[in-house]
């Protein structure tokens, strides 16, 4: 855990990337933006 809160901006950045053409080659990927707070 990174010992800090996840910001809305960080989540938005990941969402914007996934919605962009830069992520067009990604399939079946899970983007974990939990700052380590969630255990898999």
Protein backbone atom coordinates (compact mmCIF):
# COMPACT_ATOMS: atom_id res chain seq x y z
CA UNK A 1 0.00 0.00 0.00
CA UNK A 2 1.32 3.45 -0.88
CA UNK A 3 -0.09 4.99 2.32
CA UNK A 4 -1.92 7.77 0.56
CA UNK A 5 -5.37 8.32 -0.83
CA UNK A 6 -6.17 7.71 -4.46
CA UNK A 7 -7.12 10.94 -6.20
CA UNK A 8 -9.92 11.47 -8.67
CA UNK A 9 -7.33 12.84 -11.10
CA UNK A 10 -5.39 9.54 -11.01
CA UNK A 11 -8.51 7.53 -11.82
CA UNK A 12 -9.45 10.00 -14.56
CA UNK A 13 -5.98 9.73 -16.08
CA UNK A 14 -6.26 5.95 -16.34
CA UNK A 15 -9.78 6.19 -17.76
CA UNK A 16 -8.65 8.77 -20.33
CA UNK A 17 -5.76 6.54 -21.36
CA UNK A 18 -8.01 3.51 -21.76
CA UNK A 19 -10.45 5.54 -23.86
CA UNK A 20 -7.69 6.91 -26.07
CA UNK A 21 -6.11 5.60 -29.25
CA UNK A 22 -2.94 4.86 -27.25
CA UNK A 23 -4.74 1.92 -25.62
CA UNK A 24 -6.13 0.54 -28.89
CA UNK A 25 -3.87 -2.51 -28.73
CA UNK A 26 -4.87 -3.49 -25.21
CA UNK A 27 -7.38 -6.29 -24.77
CA UNK A 28 -8.48 -8.16 -21.65
CA UNK A 29 -6.45 -5.97 -19.34
CA UNK A 30 -7.36 -4.98 -15.78
CA UNK A 31 -6.09 -1.54 -14.78
CA UNK A 32 -5.63 -1.63 -11.02
CA UNK A 33 -5.64 1.92 -9.62
CA UNK A 34 -6.19 1.02 -5.98
CA UNK A 35 -2.76 2.30 -4.75
CA UNK A 36 -2.32 -1.13 -3.24
CA UNK A 37 -5.32 -0.92 -0.91
CA UNK A 38 -7.07 -3.91 -2.51
CA UNK A 39 -5.57 -7.37 -2.34
CA UNK A 40 -6.06 -9.69 -5.29
